PDB file of N, CA and C in Angstrom:
ATOM      1  N   MET A   1     -45.783  30.606 -32.726  1.00  0.00           N
ATOM      2  CA  MET A   1     -46.373  29.361 -32.281  1.00  0.00           C
ATOM      3  C   MET A   1     -45.337  28.262 -32.111  1.00  0.00           C
ATOM      4  N   LYS A   2     -44.498  28.155 -33.147  1.00  0.00           N
ATOM      5  CA  LYS A   2     -43.502  27.097 -33.099  1.00  0.00           C
ATOM      6  C   LYS A   2     -42.521  27.360 -31.963  1.00  0.00           C
ATOM      7  N   GLY A   3     -42.165  28.628 -31.767  1.00  0.00           N
ATOM      8  CA  GLY A   3     -41.248  28.992 -30.692  1.00  0.00           C
ATOM      9  C   GLY A   3     -41.839  28.694 -29.342  1.00  0.00           C
ATOM     10  N   CYS A   4     -43.135  28.842 -29.193  1.00  0.00           N
ATOM     11  CA  CYS A   4     -43.803  28.578 -27.931  1.00  0.00           C
ATOM     12  C   CYS A   4     -43.791  27.087 -27.617  1.00  0.00           C
ATOM     13  N   LYS A   5     -43.972  26.251 -28.655  1.00  0.00           N
ATOM     14  CA  LYS A   5     -43.932  24.803 -28.454  1.00  0.00           C
ATOM     15  C   LYS A   5     -42.539  24.351 -28.025  1.00  0.00           C
ATOM     16  N   ILE A   6     -41.503  24.902 -28.660  1.00  0.00           N
ATOM     17  CA  ILE A   6     -40.117  24.539 -28.331  1.00  0.00           C
ATOM     18  C   ILE A   6     -39.798  24.981 -26.908  1.00  0.00           C
ATOM     19  N   GLY A   7     -40.279  26.173 -26.536  1.00  0.00           N
ATOM     20  CA  GLY A   7     -40.051  26.677 -25.187  1.00  0.00           C
ATOM     21  C   GLY A   7     -40.722  25.796 -24.147  1.00  0.00           C
ATOM     22  N   LYS A   8     -41.968  25.381 -24.398  1.00  0.00           N
ATOM     23  CA  LYS A   8     -42.667  24.512 -23.458  1.00  0.00           C
ATOM     24  C   LYS A   8     -41.990  23.146 -23.362  1.00  0.00           C
ATOM     25  N   LEU A   9     -41.532  22.639 -24.523  1.00  0.00           N
ATOM     26  CA  LEU A   9     -40.849  21.340 -24.541  1.00  0.00           C
ATOM     27  C   LEU A   9     -39.530  21.408 -23.765  1.00  0.00           C
ATOM     28  N   ALA A  10     -38.781  22.489 -23.945  1.00  0.00           N
ATOM     29  CA  ALA A  10     -37.522  22.666 -23.226  1.00  0.00           C
ATOM     30  C   ALA A  10     -37.777  22.790 -21.732  1.00  0.00           C
ATOM     31  N   PHE A  11     -38.812  23.545 -21.360  1.00  0.00           N
ATOM     32  CA  PHE A  11     -39.150  23.703 -19.951  1.00  0.00           C
ATOM     33  C   PHE A  11     -39.539  22.362 -19.333  1.00  0.00           C
ATOM     34  N   ALA A  12     -40.325  21.570 -20.065  1.00  0.00           N
ATOM     35  CA  ALA A  12     -40.746  20.266 -19.564  1.00  0.00           C
ATOM     36  C   ALA A  12     -39.551  19.328 -19.407  1.00  0.00           C
ATOM     37  N   ALA A  13     -38.602  19.370 -20.358  1.00  0.00           N
ATOM     38  CA  ALA A  13     -37.402  18.525 -20.277  1.00  0.00           C
ATOM     39  C   ALA A  13     -36.551  18.907 -19.076  1.00  0.00           C
ATOM     40  N   VAL A  14     -36.392  20.209 -18.853  1.00  0.00           N
ATOM     41  CA  VAL A  14     -35.593  20.677 -17.713  1.00  0.00           C
ATOM     42  C   VAL A  14     -36.290  20.309 -16.413  1.00  0.00           C
ATOM     43  N   ALA A  15     -37.588  20.459 -16.346  1.00  0.00           N
ATOM     44  CA  ALA A  15     -38.331  20.137 -15.129  1.00  0.00           C
ATOM     45  C   ALA A  15     -38.245  18.645 -14.825  1.00  0.00           C
ATOM     46  N   CYS A  16     -38.365  17.808 -15.850  1.00  0.00           N
ATOM     47  CA  CYS A  16     -38.273  16.353 -15.637  1.00  0.00           C
ATOM     48  C   CYS A  16     -36.882  15.948 -15.164  1.00  0.00           C
ATOM     49  N   SER A  17     -35.862  16.501 -15.779  1.00  0.00           N
ATOM     50  CA  SER A  17     -34.505  16.123 -15.384  1.00  0.00           C
ATOM     51  C   SER A  17     -34.195  16.608 -13.970  1.00  0.00           C
ATOM     52  N   MET A  18     -34.688  17.787 -13.581  1.00  0.00           N
ATOM     53  CA  MET A  18     -34.462  18.263 -12.211  1.00  0.00           C
ATOM     54  C   MET A  18     -35.212  17.391 -11.216  1.00  0.00           C
ATOM     55  N   ALA A  19     -36.417  16.941 -11.595  1.00  0.00           N
ATOM     56  CA  ALA A  19     -37.179  16.077 -10.705  1.00  0.00           C
ATOM     57  C   ALA A  19     -36.473  14.738 -10.525  1.00  0.00           C
ATOM     58  N   LEU A  20     -35.896  14.207 -11.600  1.00  0.00           N
ATOM     59  CA  LEU A  20     -35.162  12.943 -11.501  1.00  0.00           C
ATOM     60  C   LEU A  20     -33.914  13.087 -10.647  1.00  0.00           C
ATOM     61  N   LEU A  21     -33.234  14.221 -10.773  1.00  0.00           N
ATOM     62  CA  LEU A  21     -32.032  14.444  -9.965  1.00  0.00           C
ATOM     63  C   LEU A  21     -32.386  14.613  -8.499  1.00  0.00           C
ATOM     64  N   ALA A  22     -33.528  15.172  -8.214  1.00  0.00           N
ATOM     65  CA  ALA A  22     -33.938  15.406  -6.833  1.00  0.00           C
ATOM     66  C   ALA A  22     -34.264  14.097  -6.121  1.00  0.00           C
ATOM     67  N   VAL A  23     -34.821  13.117  -6.836  1.00  0.00           N
ATOM     68  CA  VAL A  23     -35.207  11.859  -6.195  1.00  0.00           C
ATOM     69  C   VAL A  23     -34.159  10.769  -6.378  1.00  0.00           C
ATOM     70  N   ALA A  24     -33.087  11.038  -7.123  1.00  0.00           N
ATOM     71  CA  ALA A  24     -32.044  10.038  -7.347  1.00  0.00           C
ATOM     72  C   ALA A  24     -31.304   9.786  -6.037  1.00  0.00           C
ATOM     73  N   PRO A  25     -30.919   8.536  -5.771  1.00  0.00           N
ATOM     74  CA  PRO A  25     -30.189   8.253  -4.527  1.00  0.00           C
ATOM     75  C   PRO A  25     -28.829   8.942  -4.522  1.00  0.00           C
ATOM     76  N   ASN A  26     -28.411   9.321  -3.348  1.00  0.00           N
ATOM     77  CA  ASN A  26     -27.140  10.013  -3.186  1.00  0.00           C
ATOM     78  C   ASN A  26     -26.075   8.979  -2.806  1.00  0.00           C
ATOM     79  N   PHE A  27     -25.082   8.831  -3.659  1.00  0.00           N
ATOM     80  CA  PHE A  27     -24.006   7.892  -3.395  1.00  0.00           C
ATOM     81  C   PHE A  27     -22.768   8.678  -2.989  1.00  0.00           C
ATOM     82  N   SER A  28     -22.143   8.256  -1.913  1.00  0.00           N
ATOM     83  CA  SER A  28     -20.878   8.871  -1.518  1.00  0.00           C
ATOM     84  C   SER A  28     -19.859   7.753  -1.350  1.00  0.00           C
ATOM     85  N   LEU A  29     -18.653   8.014  -1.787  1.00  0.00           N
ATOM     86  CA  LEU A  29     -17.582   7.024  -1.709  1.00  0.00           C
ATOM     87  C   LEU A  29     -16.650   7.367  -0.574  1.00  0.00           C
ATOM     88  N   GLN A  30     -16.252   6.365   0.164  1.00  0.00           N
ATOM     89  CA  GLN A  30     -15.289   6.557   1.216  1.00  0.00           C
ATOM     90  C   GLN A  30     -13.935   6.095   0.694  1.00  0.00           C
ATOM     91  N   VAL A  31     -12.968   6.956   0.729  1.00  0.00           N
ATOM     92  CA  VAL A  31     -11.640   6.637   0.217  1.00  0.00           C
ATOM     93  C   VAL A  31     -10.736   6.312   1.396  1.00  0.00           C
ATOM     94  N   SER A  32     -10.044   5.176   1.285  1.00  0.00           N
ATOM     95  CA  SER A  32      -9.076   4.810   2.313  1.00  0.00           C
ATOM     96  C   SER A  32      -7.853   4.217   1.640  1.00  0.00           C
ATOM     97  N   ALA A  33      -6.759   4.244   2.346  1.00  0.00           N
ATOM     98  CA  ALA A  33      -5.509   3.713   1.797  1.00  0.00           C
ATOM     99  C   ALA A  33      -5.625   2.200   1.658  1.00  0.00           C
ATOM    100  N   ALA A  34      -5.101   1.684   0.558  1.00  0.00           N
ATOM    101  CA  ALA A  34      -5.136   0.243   0.324  1.00  0.00           C
ATOM    102  C   ALA A  34      -4.104  -0.431   1.207  1.00  0.00           C
ATOM    103  N   THR A  35      -4.524  -1.410   1.958  1.00  0.00           N
ATOM    104  CA  THR A  35      -3.606  -2.166   2.799  1.00  0.00           C
ATOM    105  C   THR A  35      -3.702  -3.634   2.418  1.00  0.00           C
ATOM    106  N   PRO A  36      -2.559  -4.296   2.317  1.00  0.00           N
ATOM    107  CA  PRO A  36      -2.595  -5.718   1.967  1.00  0.00           C
ATOM    108  C   PRO A  36      -3.177  -6.535   3.112  1.00  0.00           C
ATOM    109  N   PRO A  37      -3.763  -7.662   2.807  1.00  0.00           N
ATOM    110  CA  PRO A  37      -4.306  -8.498   3.876  1.00  0.00           C
ATOM    111  C   PRO A  37      -3.184  -9.022   4.764  1.00  0.00           C
ATOM    112  N   VAL A  38      -3.484  -9.185   6.020  1.00  0.00           N
ATOM    113  CA  VAL A  38      -2.483  -9.665   6.974  1.00  0.00           C
ATOM    114  C   VAL A  38      -2.261 -11.156   6.731  1.00  0.00           C
ATOM    115  N   ALA A  39      -1.012 -11.497   6.523  1.00  0.00           N
ATOM    116  CA  ALA A  39      -0.672 -12.900   6.269  1.00  0.00           C
ATOM    117  C   ALA A  39       0.245 -13.398   7.374  1.00  0.00           C
ATOM    118  N   GLU A  40       0.087 -14.652   7.720  1.00  0.00           N
ATOM    119  CA  GLU A  40       0.944 -15.249   8.738  1.00  0.00           C
ATOM    120  C   GLU A  40       2.384 -15.362   8.235  1.00  0.00           C
ATOM    121  N   GLU A  41       2.538 -15.756   6.980  1.00  0.00           N
ATOM    122  CA  GLU A  41       3.865 -15.973   6.415  1.00  0.00           C
ATOM    123  C   GLU A  41       3.841 -15.554   4.958  1.00  0.00           C
ATOM    124  N   ILE A  42       4.876 -14.857   4.544  1.00  0.00           N
ATOM    125  CA  ILE A  42       4.986 -14.462   3.139  1.00  0.00           C
ATOM    126  C   ILE A  42       5.823 -15.510   2.435  1.00  0.00           C
ATOM    127  N   SER A  43       5.289 -16.091   1.385  1.00  0.00           N
ATOM    128  CA  SER A  43       6.023 -17.114   0.659  1.00  0.00           C
ATOM    129  C   SER A  43       6.401 -16.581  -0.718  1.00  0.00           C
ATOM    130  N   PRO A  44       7.649 -16.795  -1.144  1.00  0.00           N
ATOM    131  CA  PRO A  44       8.077 -16.300  -2.451  1.00  0.00           C
ATOM    132  C   PRO A  44       7.414 -17.086  -3.580  1.00  0.00           C
ATOM    133  N   LEU A  45       7.268 -16.429  -4.711  1.00  0.00           N
ATOM    134  CA  LEU A  45       6.685 -17.099  -5.869  1.00  0.00           C
ATOM    135  C   LEU A  45       7.727 -17.938  -6.607  1.00  0.00           C
ATOM    136  N   ALA A  46       8.983 -17.531  -6.527  1.00  0.00           N
ATOM    137  CA  ALA A  46      10.064 -18.268  -7.190  1.00  0.00           C
ATOM    138  C   ALA A  46      10.850 -19.057  -6.137  1.00  0.00           C
ATOM    139  N   ASP A  47      11.500 -20.115  -6.582  1.00  0.00           N
ATOM    140  CA  ASP A  47      12.333 -20.898  -5.675  1.00  0.00           C
ATOM    141  C   ASP A  47      13.548 -20.089  -5.235  1.00  0.00           C
ATOM    142  N   VAL A  48      13.992 -20.343  -4.003  1.00  0.00           N
ATOM    143  CA  VAL A  48      15.205 -19.709  -3.478  1.00  0.00           C
ATOM    144  C   VAL A  48      16.358 -20.660  -3.755  1.00  0.00           C
ATOM    145  N   ILE A  49      17.278 -20.232  -4.647  1.00  0.00           N
ATOM    146  CA  ILE A  49      18.400 -21.080  -5.053  1.00  0.00           C
ATOM    147  C   ILE A  49      19.702 -20.368  -4.698  1.00  0.00           C
ATOM    148  N   ASN A  50      20.579 -21.063  -3.966  1.00  0.00           N
ATOM    149  CA  ASN A  50      21.851 -20.487  -3.501  1.00  0.00           C
ATOM    150  C   ASN A  50      23.013 -21.367  -3.927  1.00  0.00           C
ATOM    151  N   TRP A  51      24.178 -20.723  -4.063  1.00  0.00           N
ATOM    152  CA  TRP A  51      25.411 -21.475  -4.284  1.00  0.00           C
ATOM    153  C   TRP A  51      25.942 -21.923  -2.933  1.00  0.00           C
ATOM    154  N   VAL A  52      26.354 -23.185  -2.843  1.00  0.00           N
ATOM    155  CA  VAL A  52      26.983 -23.719  -1.639  1.00  0.00           C
ATOM    156  C   VAL A  52      28.428 -24.055  -2.014  1.00  0.00           C
ATOM    157  N   TYR A  53      29.370 -23.527  -1.222  1.00  0.00           N
ATOM    158  CA  TYR A  53      30.793 -23.733  -1.511  1.00  0.00           C
ATOM    159  C   TYR A  53      31.366 -24.769  -0.556  1.00  0.00           C
ATOM    160  N   GLU A  54      32.313 -25.545  -1.066  1.00  0.00           N
ATOM    161  CA  GLU A  54      32.957 -26.581  -0.268  1.00  0.00           C
ATOM    162  C   GLU A  54      34.452 -26.573  -0.571  1.00  0.00           C
ATOM    163  N   ARG A  55      35.231 -26.718   0.481  1.00  0.00           N
ATOM    164  CA  ARG A  55      36.684 -26.791   0.300  1.00  0.00           C
ATOM    165  C   ARG A  55      37.121 -28.243   0.457  1.00  0.00           C
ATOM    166  N   ARG A  56      37.810 -28.738  -0.577  1.00  0.00           N
ATOM    167  CA  ARG A  56      38.352 -30.097  -0.573  1.00  0.00           C
ATOM    168  C   ARG A  56      39.866 -29.988  -0.693  1.00  0.00           C
ATOM    169  N   GLY A  57      40.519 -30.049   0.447  1.00  0.00           N
ATOM    170  CA  GLY A  57      41.978 -29.850   0.448  1.00  0.00           C
ATOM    171  C   GLY A  57      42.274 -28.406   0.110  1.00  0.00           C
ATOM    172  N   ASN A  58      42.964 -28.178  -1.010  1.00  0.00           N
ATOM    173  CA  ASN A  58      43.236 -26.797  -1.434  1.00  0.00           C
ATOM    174  C   ASN A  58      42.377 -26.405  -2.640  1.00  0.00           C
ATOM    175  N   GLU A  59      41.305 -27.155  -2.902  1.00  0.00           N
ATOM    176  CA  GLU A  59      40.409 -26.854  -4.021  1.00  0.00           C
ATOM    177  C   GLU A  59      39.066 -26.332  -3.499  1.00  0.00           C
ATOM    178  N   ILE A  60      38.447 -25.439  -4.280  1.00  0.00           N
ATOM    179  CA  ILE A  60      37.119 -24.912  -3.964  1.00  0.00           C
ATOM    180  C   ILE A  60      36.129 -25.431  -5.009  1.00  0.00           C
ATOM    181  N   TRP A  61      35.015 -25.973  -4.523  1.00  0.00           N
ATOM    182  CA  TRP A  61      33.950 -26.479  -5.379  1.00  0.00           C
ATOM    183  C   TRP A  61      32.653 -25.776  -4.996  1.00  0.00           C
ATOM    184  N   LYS A  62      31.721 -25.672  -5.963  1.00  0.00           N
ATOM    185  CA  LYS A  62      30.428 -25.060  -5.657  1.00  0.00           C
ATOM    186  C   LYS A  62      29.311 -25.882  -6.307  1.00  0.00           C
ATOM    187  N   ARG A  63      28.114 -25.769  -5.687  1.00  0.00           N
ATOM    188  CA  ARG A  63      26.945 -26.501  -6.196  1.00  0.00           C
ATOM    189  C   ARG A  63      25.688 -25.709  -5.832  1.00  0.00           C
ATOM    190  N   LEU A  64      24.707 -25.730  -6.720  1.00  0.00           N
ATOM    191  CA  LEU A  64      23.457 -25.026  -6.461  1.00  0.00           C
ATOM    192  C   LEU A  64      22.571 -25.851  -5.538  1.00  0.00           C
ATOM    193  N   TYR A  65      21.935 -25.145  -4.574  1.00  0.00           N
ATOM    194  CA  TYR A  65      21.021 -25.781  -3.635  1.00  0.00           C
ATOM    195  C   TYR A  65      19.694 -25.038  -3.654  1.00  0.00           C
ATOM    196  N   ASN A  66      18.603 -25.769  -3.869  1.00  0.00           N
ATOM    197  CA  ASN A  66      17.259 -25.184  -3.854  1.00  0.00           C
ATOM    198  C   ASN A  66      16.749 -25.236  -2.420  1.00  0.00           C
ATOM    199  N   ALA A  67      16.775 -24.071  -1.745  1.00  0.00           N
ATOM    200  CA  ALA A  67      16.370 -24.014  -0.339  1.00  0.00           C
ATOM    201  C   ALA A  67      14.859 -24.125  -0.177  1.00  0.00           C
ATOM    202  N   SER A  68      14.097 -23.865  -1.228  1.00  0.00           N
ATOM    203  CA  SER A  68      12.636 -23.941  -1.141  1.00  0.00           C
ATOM    204  C   SER A  68      12.142 -25.379  -0.975  1.00  0.00           C
ATOM    205  N   ILE A  69      12.784 -26.297  -1.690  1.00  0.00           N
ATOM    206  CA  ILE A  69      12.350 -27.696  -1.622  1.00  0.00           C
ATOM    207  C   ILE A  69      13.387 -28.611  -0.972  1.00  0.00           C
ATOM    208  N   GLY A  70      14.557 -28.046  -0.631  1.00  0.00           N
ATOM    209  CA  GLY A  70      15.582 -28.829   0.066  1.00  0.00           C
ATOM    210  C   GLY A  70      16.279 -29.855  -0.791  1.00  0.00           C
ATOM    211  N   GLU A  71      16.541 -29.521  -2.057  1.00  0.00           N
ATOM    212  CA  GLU A  71      17.209 -30.462  -2.963  1.00  0.00           C
ATOM    213  C   GLU A  71      18.382 -29.786  -3.666  1.00  0.00           C
ATOM    214  N   TRP A  72      19.364 -30.600  -4.022  1.00  0.00           N
ATOM    215  CA  TRP A  72      20.500 -30.120  -4.799  1.00  0.00           C
ATOM    216  C   TRP A  72      20.095 -29.963  -6.254  1.00  0.00           C
ATOM    217  N   VAL A  73      20.695 -28.955  -6.902  1.00  0.00           N
ATOM    218  CA  VAL A  73      20.440 -28.699  -8.323  1.00  0.00           C
ATOM    219  C   VAL A  73      21.766 -28.855  -9.059  1.00  0.00           C
ATOM    220  N   GLY A  74      21.854 -29.820  -9.948  1.00  0.00           N
ATOM    221  CA  GLY A  74      23.077 -30.008 -10.731  1.00  0.00           C
ATOM    222  C   GLY A  74      24.173 -30.700  -9.957  1.00  0.00           C
ATOM    223  N   ASP A  75      25.390 -30.661 -10.540  1.00  0.00           N
ATOM    224  CA  ASP A  75      26.559 -31.320  -9.967  1.00  0.00           C
ATOM    225  C   ASP A  75      27.518 -30.282  -9.398  1.00  0.00           C
ATOM    226  N   TRP A  76      28.539 -30.797  -8.689  1.00  0.00           N
ATOM    227  CA  TRP A  76      29.578 -29.915  -8.155  1.00  0.00           C
ATOM    228  C   TRP A  76      30.395 -29.344  -9.307  1.00  0.00           C
ATOM    229  N   VAL A  77      30.760 -28.060  -9.190  1.00  0.00           N
ATOM    230  CA  VAL A  77      31.536 -27.356 -10.219  1.00  0.00           C
ATOM    231  C   VAL A  77      32.841 -26.900  -9.580  1.00  0.00           C
ATOM    232  N   PHE A  78      33.958 -27.201 -10.251  1.00  0.00           N
ATOM    233  CA  PHE A  78      35.269 -26.776  -9.743  1.00  0.00           C
ATOM    234  C   PHE A  78      35.430 -25.283  -9.919  1.00  0.00           C
ATOM    235  N   VAL A  79      35.812 -24.586  -8.840  1.00  0.00           N
ATOM    236  CA  VAL A  79      35.994 -23.133  -8.885  1.00  0.00           C
ATOM    237  C   VAL A  79      37.457 -22.774  -9.064  1.00  0.00           C
ATOM    238  N   GLY A  80      38.322 -23.387  -8.266  1.00  0.00           N
ATOM    239  CA  GLY A  80      39.748 -23.069  -8.376  1.00  0.00           C
ATOM    240  C   GLY A  80      40.532 -23.626  -7.212  1.00  0.00           C
ATOM    241  N   VAL A  81      41.823 -23.291  -7.221  1.00  0.00           N
ATOM    242  CA  VAL A  81      42.734 -23.753  -6.168  1.00  0.00           C
ATOM    243  C   VAL A  81      42.998 -22.582  -5.247  1.00  0.00           C
ATOM    244  N   VAL A  82      43.041 -22.860  -3.929  1.00  0.00           N
ATOM    245  CA  VAL A  82      43.280 -21.834  -2.945  1.00  0.00           C
ATOM    246  C   VAL A  82      44.770 -21.537  -2.854  1.00  0.00           C
ATOM    247  N   GLY A  83      45.131 -20.259  -2.901  1.00  0.00           N
ATOM    248  CA  GLY A  83      46.516 -19.839  -2.701  1.00  0.00           C
ATOM    249  C   GLY A  83      47.414 -20.039  -3.892  1.00  0.00           C
ATOM    250  N   LYS A  84      46.941 -20.435  -5.046  1.00  0.00           N
ATOM    251  CA  LYS A  84      47.792 -20.644  -6.198  1.00  0.00           C
ATOM    252  C   LYS A  84      47.293 -19.772  -7.344  1.00  0.00           C
ATOM    253  N   TYR A  85      48.196 -18.945  -7.893  1.00  0.00           N
ATOM    254  CA  TYR A  85      47.824 -18.051  -9.004  1.00  0.00           C
ATOM    255  C   TYR A  85      48.678 -18.316 -10.206  1.00  0.00           C
TER     256      TYR A  85
END
């Protein structure tokens, strides 16, 4: 008797789950390669800073220039003398 109840309960559980799977919506995913959005201009996240060199007579000097905002950074730094060792 007990085995018959368990069998009927198992059959009912399987039948219910199959019925739910049959009426469940079918989802399908479309896979495509990720492409970045098209941008007119790519802008850096960090400032662009370059050394600018200047020759004064036989001396070489350098100074940092922030090209992102168009301003000088710091003072002129003496590098050395040209042609003298």
